[in-house]
Amino acid sequence: MSTALHDVMMVALDVRIWSGRKKLRPEDLTATGRLPPRELVSLGSKRLCSPDVLQPFLQVKRRAETRCQAVGVRFARAFAIPRGAAKPLLSSLNSLADQFQQARTAFLSTYDEELARWSAQYPGYERLIATELLPKAVVASRFAFGYEVFAINAIDADGELADVLAQGGAGNLTLGSSARSTRRWPANRAPSCVTR
């Protein structure tokens, strides 16, 4: 059995950022009788605050992804990294988590003022923005920075699973009823005959 997986760890980032947007509704377009400015609405959504105030969160997320990619590769919504690179990477991610928390605190401390400033930039569209505003506590719950570390281990197979593995290794592994049905697949059927 290969020991290559023992030297690999998985890091799955969990970074959630409030979009600052809400779905644009038909009544929003007729509120003033004219189309809202492009900066306020786009592609079926309306902005509740300036996108600039959310940039610090996006920058921290990009830095976290960049640091993970610098030592590993993307794999199944996570990053496969060498075990030896884990400690410095996790230390770096912890530092980024602190930066994210500081940005969150700063954003929430000026949340009401930012919304008022954004609304004041678009006279005549205040109702369009105000109807969708969320309480600060709800917005606060939509920001999070975290990560999960886990390992992928080789399978210790026995019985039917061992038979499947013996036929072609982990690359041909199918589980449960799928494994049983592949054995019964008619030999005269080409793979192009498979339908949904």
Protein backbone atom coordinates (compact mmCIF):
# COMPACT_ATOMS: atom_id res chain seq x y z
CA MET A 1 0.00 0.00 0.00
CA SER A 2 1.31 3.46 -0.89
CA THR A 3 2.37 5.81 1.90
CA ALA A 4 2.21 8.94 -0.26
CA LEU A 5 -1.02 10.08 1.38
CA HIS A 6 0.68 10.15 4.79
CA ASP A 7 2.71 13.15 3.61
CA VAL A 8 -0.32 15.13 2.43
CA MET A 9 -2.78 17.20 4.43
CA MET A 10 -5.89 18.94 3.19
CA VAL A 11 -6.74 22.53 4.08
CA ALA A 12 -10.28 23.66 3.27
CA LEU A 13 -10.84 27.39 3.56
CA ASP A 14 -14.20 28.59 4.82
CA VAL A 15 -14.41 32.31 4.08
CA ARG A 16 -17.84 33.88 3.97
CA ILE A 17 -18.36 37.51 3.00
CA TRP A 18 -21.65 39.40 2.95
CA SER A 19 -22.26 40.44 -0.65
CA GLY A 20 -23.86 43.79 0.18
CA ARG A 21 -26.48 43.00 -2.46
CA LYS A 22 -30.11 42.02 -2.65
CA LYS A 23 -32.21 40.73 -5.51
CA LEU A 24 -33.64 43.44 -7.73
CA ARG A 25 -37.43 43.25 -7.93
CA PRO A 26 -39.72 44.64 -10.64
CA GLU A 27 -41.20 47.23 -8.26
CA ASP A 28 -37.67 48.57 -7.65
CA LEU A 29 -37.43 49.59 -11.30
CA THR A 30 -40.66 51.58 -11.25
CA ALA A 31 -40.13 53.36 -7.92
CA THR A 32 -39.01 56.64 -9.55
CA GLY A 33 -40.05 56.06 -13.14
CA ARG A 34 -36.46 55.92 -14.40
CA LEU A 35 -33.76 53.30 -14.36
CA PRO A 36 -31.47 53.38 -11.31
CA PRO A 37 -27.80 54.26 -11.87
CA ARG A 38 -25.47 51.47 -13.00
CA GLU A 39 -23.47 51.76 -9.75
CA LEU A 40 -26.62 51.00 -7.74
CA VAL A 41 -28.05 48.08 -9.74
CA SER A 42 -26.51 45.48 -12.01
CA LEU A 43 -27.34 42.02 -13.32
CA GLY A 44 -30.53 41.62 -11.33
CA SER A 45 -29.24 42.84 -7.99
CA LYS A 46 -29.03 46.10 -6.10
CA ARG A 47 -26.09 47.22 -4.03
CA LEU A 48 -26.88 48.14 -0.44
CA CYS A 49 -23.46 49.61 0.23
CA SER A 50 -20.36 50.62 -1.67
CA PRO A 51 -18.44 47.61 -2.99
CA ASP A 52 -15.26 49.38 -1.86
CA VAL A 53 -16.04 48.76 1.81
CA LEU A 54 -16.07 45.00 1.17
CA GLN A 55 -12.66 44.98 -0.55
CA PRO A 56 -10.64 44.32 2.62
CA PHE A 57 -12.50 41.02 3.09
CA LEU A 58 -11.97 39.97 -0.52
CA GLN A 59 -8.28 40.82 -0.25
CA VAL A 60 -7.84 38.66 2.85
CA LYS A 61 -9.65 35.78 1.12
CA ARG A 62 -7.42 36.11 -1.97
CA ARG A 63 -4.28 36.18 0.22
CA ALA A 64 -5.42 33.00 1.99
CA GLU A 65 -6.02 31.24 -1.33
CA THR A 66 -2.69 32.48 -2.71
CA ARG A 67 -0.79 31.22 0.34
CA CYS A 68 -2.46 27.82 0.08
CA GLN A 69 -1.67 27.60 -3.64
CA ALA A 70 1.94 28.62 -3.02
CA VAL A 71 2.59 25.41 -1.06
CA GLY A 72 -0.06 23.07 -2.46
CA VAL A 73 -2.59 22.38 -5.19
CA ARG A 74 -6.36 22.68 -5.38
CA PHE A 75 -8.06 19.37 -4.72
CA ALA A 76 -11.78 18.74 -4.12
CA ARG A 77 -12.70 22.24 -2.84
CA ALA A 78 -9.62 22.31 -0.67
CA PHE A 79 -5.84 22.46 -1.02
CA ALA A 80 -3.58 19.42 -0.82
CA ILE A 81 -0.40 20.51 0.92
CA PRO A 82 2.73 18.69 2.06
CA ARG A 83 2.64 17.88 5.76
CA GLY A 84 5.93 19.74 6.24
CA ALA A 85 4.38 22.99 4.95
CA ALA A 86 1.35 22.79 7.23
CA LYS A 87 2.68 24.57 10.32
CA PRO A 88 3.87 27.75 8.54
CA LEU A 89 0.73 27.82 6.37
CA LEU A 90 -1.62 27.46 9.34
CA SER A 91 0.27 30.17 11.18
CA SER A 92 -0.18 32.42 8.16
CA LEU A 93 -3.90 31.56 7.96
CA ASN A 94 -4.30 32.38 11.66
CA SER A 95 -2.75 35.78 11.00
CA LEU A 96 -5.15 36.33 8.10
CA ALA A 97 -8.05 35.31 10.34
CA ASP A 98 -7.02 38.08 12.74
CA GLN A 99 -6.88 40.57 9.85
CA PHE A 100 -10.33 39.44 8.70
CA GLN A 101 -11.71 39.91 12.23
CA GLN A 102 -10.20 43.40 12.44
CA ALA A 103 -11.76 44.31 9.07
CA ARG A 104 -15.10 42.91 10.26
CA THR A 105 -14.98 44.97 13.47
CA ALA A 106 -14.04 48.12 11.54
CA PHE A 107 -16.81 47.56 8.97
CA LEU A 108 -19.48 46.92 11.59
CA SER A 109 -18.44 49.98 13.62
CA THR A 110 -19.22 52.19 10.60
CA TYR A 111 -22.04 50.09 9.11
CA ASP A 112 -24.87 52.57 9.74
CA GLU A 113 -22.81 55.56 8.56
CA GLU A 114 -21.70 53.68 5.44
CA LEU A 115 -25.29 52.81 4.53
CA ALA A 116 -26.38 56.41 5.04
CA ARG A 117 -23.45 57.67 2.92
CA TRP A 118 -24.26 55.19 0.13
CA SER A 119 -27.95 56.10 0.17
CA ALA A 120 -27.15 59.85 0.11
CA GLN A 121 -25.14 59.34 -3.10
CA TYR A 122 -28.32 58.31 -4.92
CA PRO A 123 -31.08 60.84 -4.18
CA GLY A 124 -34.47 59.57 -5.24
CA TYR A 125 -33.44 55.93 -4.72
CA GLU A 126 -33.30 55.90 -0.93
CA ARG A 127 -36.38 53.64 -0.71
CA LEU A 128 -34.83 51.16 -3.13
CA ILE A 129 -31.91 50.75 -0.71
CA ALA A 130 -33.80 51.11 2.58
CA THR A 131 -36.36 48.36 1.86
CA GLU A 132 -33.64 45.69 1.91
CA LEU A 133 -31.37 46.86 4.72
CA LEU A 134 -30.42 44.22 7.23
CA PRO A 135 -29.81 44.70 10.94
CA LYS A 136 -26.15 44.95 11.87
CA ALA A 137 -26.30 41.66 13.81
CA VAL A 138 -27.53 39.79 10.72
CA VAL A 139 -24.80 41.30 8.55
CA ALA A 140 -22.21 40.44 11.23
CA SER A 141 -23.27 36.78 11.08
CA ARG A 142 -22.55 36.71 7.34
CA PHE A 143 -18.84 37.32 7.74
CA ALA A 144 -16.60 34.41 8.73
CA PHE A 145 -13.05 33.27 8.19
CA GLY A 146 -11.97 29.77 9.08
CA TYR A 147 -10.39 26.65 7.76
CA GLU A 148 -10.49 22.92 8.33
CA VAL A 149 -7.50 20.60 8.23
CA PHE A 150 -7.95 16.94 7.45
CA ALA A 151 -6.17 13.99 5.88
CA ILE A 152 -7.13 11.56 3.18
CA ASN A 153 -6.14 8.01 4.01
CA ALA A 154 -5.71 4.97 1.85
CA ILE A 155 -8.50 2.40 2.07
CA ASP A 156 -7.99 -0.76 4.08
CA ALA A 157 -10.15 -2.91 1.84
CA ASP A 158 -11.67 -6.32 2.42
CA GLY A 159 -14.31 -8.43 0.69
CA GLU A 160 -16.10 -6.95 -2.32
CA LEU A 161 -14.20 -3.66 -2.04
CA ALA A 162 -10.87 -5.52 -2.17
CA ASP A 163 -12.03 -7.28 -5.37
CA VAL A 164 -12.84 -3.95 -7.02
CA LEU A 165 -9.52 -2.46 -5.96
CA ALA A 166 -7.65 -5.50 -7.27
CA GLN A 167 -9.19 -4.96 -10.71
CA GLY A 168 -7.59 -1.58 -11.18
CA GLY A 169 -6.63 0.24 -8.04
CA ALA A 170 -8.20 3.31 -6.51
CA GLY A 171 -8.71 4.91 -9.93
CA ASN A 172 -11.44 2.36 -10.72
CA LEU A 173 -13.05 2.37 -7.30
CA THR A 174 -16.83 2.41 -7.20
CA LEU A 175 -18.85 1.84 -4.05
CA GLY A 176 -21.99 0.02 -3.00
CA SER A 177 -24.57 -0.78 -5.65
CA SER A 178 -22.49 0.99 -8.29
CA ALA A 179 -19.72 -1.54 -7.75
CA ARG A 180 -22.15 -4.45 -8.07
CA SER A 181 -23.75 -3.03 -11.23
CA THR A 182 -20.41 -2.49 -12.96
CA ARG A 183 -19.69 -6.20 -12.66
CA ARG A 184 -22.97 -6.99 -14.41
CA TRP A 185 -22.38 -4.50 -17.22
CA PRO A 186 -22.89 -6.32 -20.54
CA ALA A 187 -19.60 -6.78 -22.38
CA ASN A 188 -21.18 -5.97 -25.77
CA ARG A 189 -22.26 -2.47 -24.69
CA ALA A 190 -20.05 0.40 -25.61
CA PRO A 191 -19.63 3.26 -23.09
CA SER A 192 -21.43 5.51 -25.58
CA CYS A 193 -24.64 3.59 -24.79
CA VAL A 194 -24.78 4.98 -21.27
CA THR A 195 -27.69 7.35 -20.70
CA ARG A 196 -28.73 9.47 -17.78
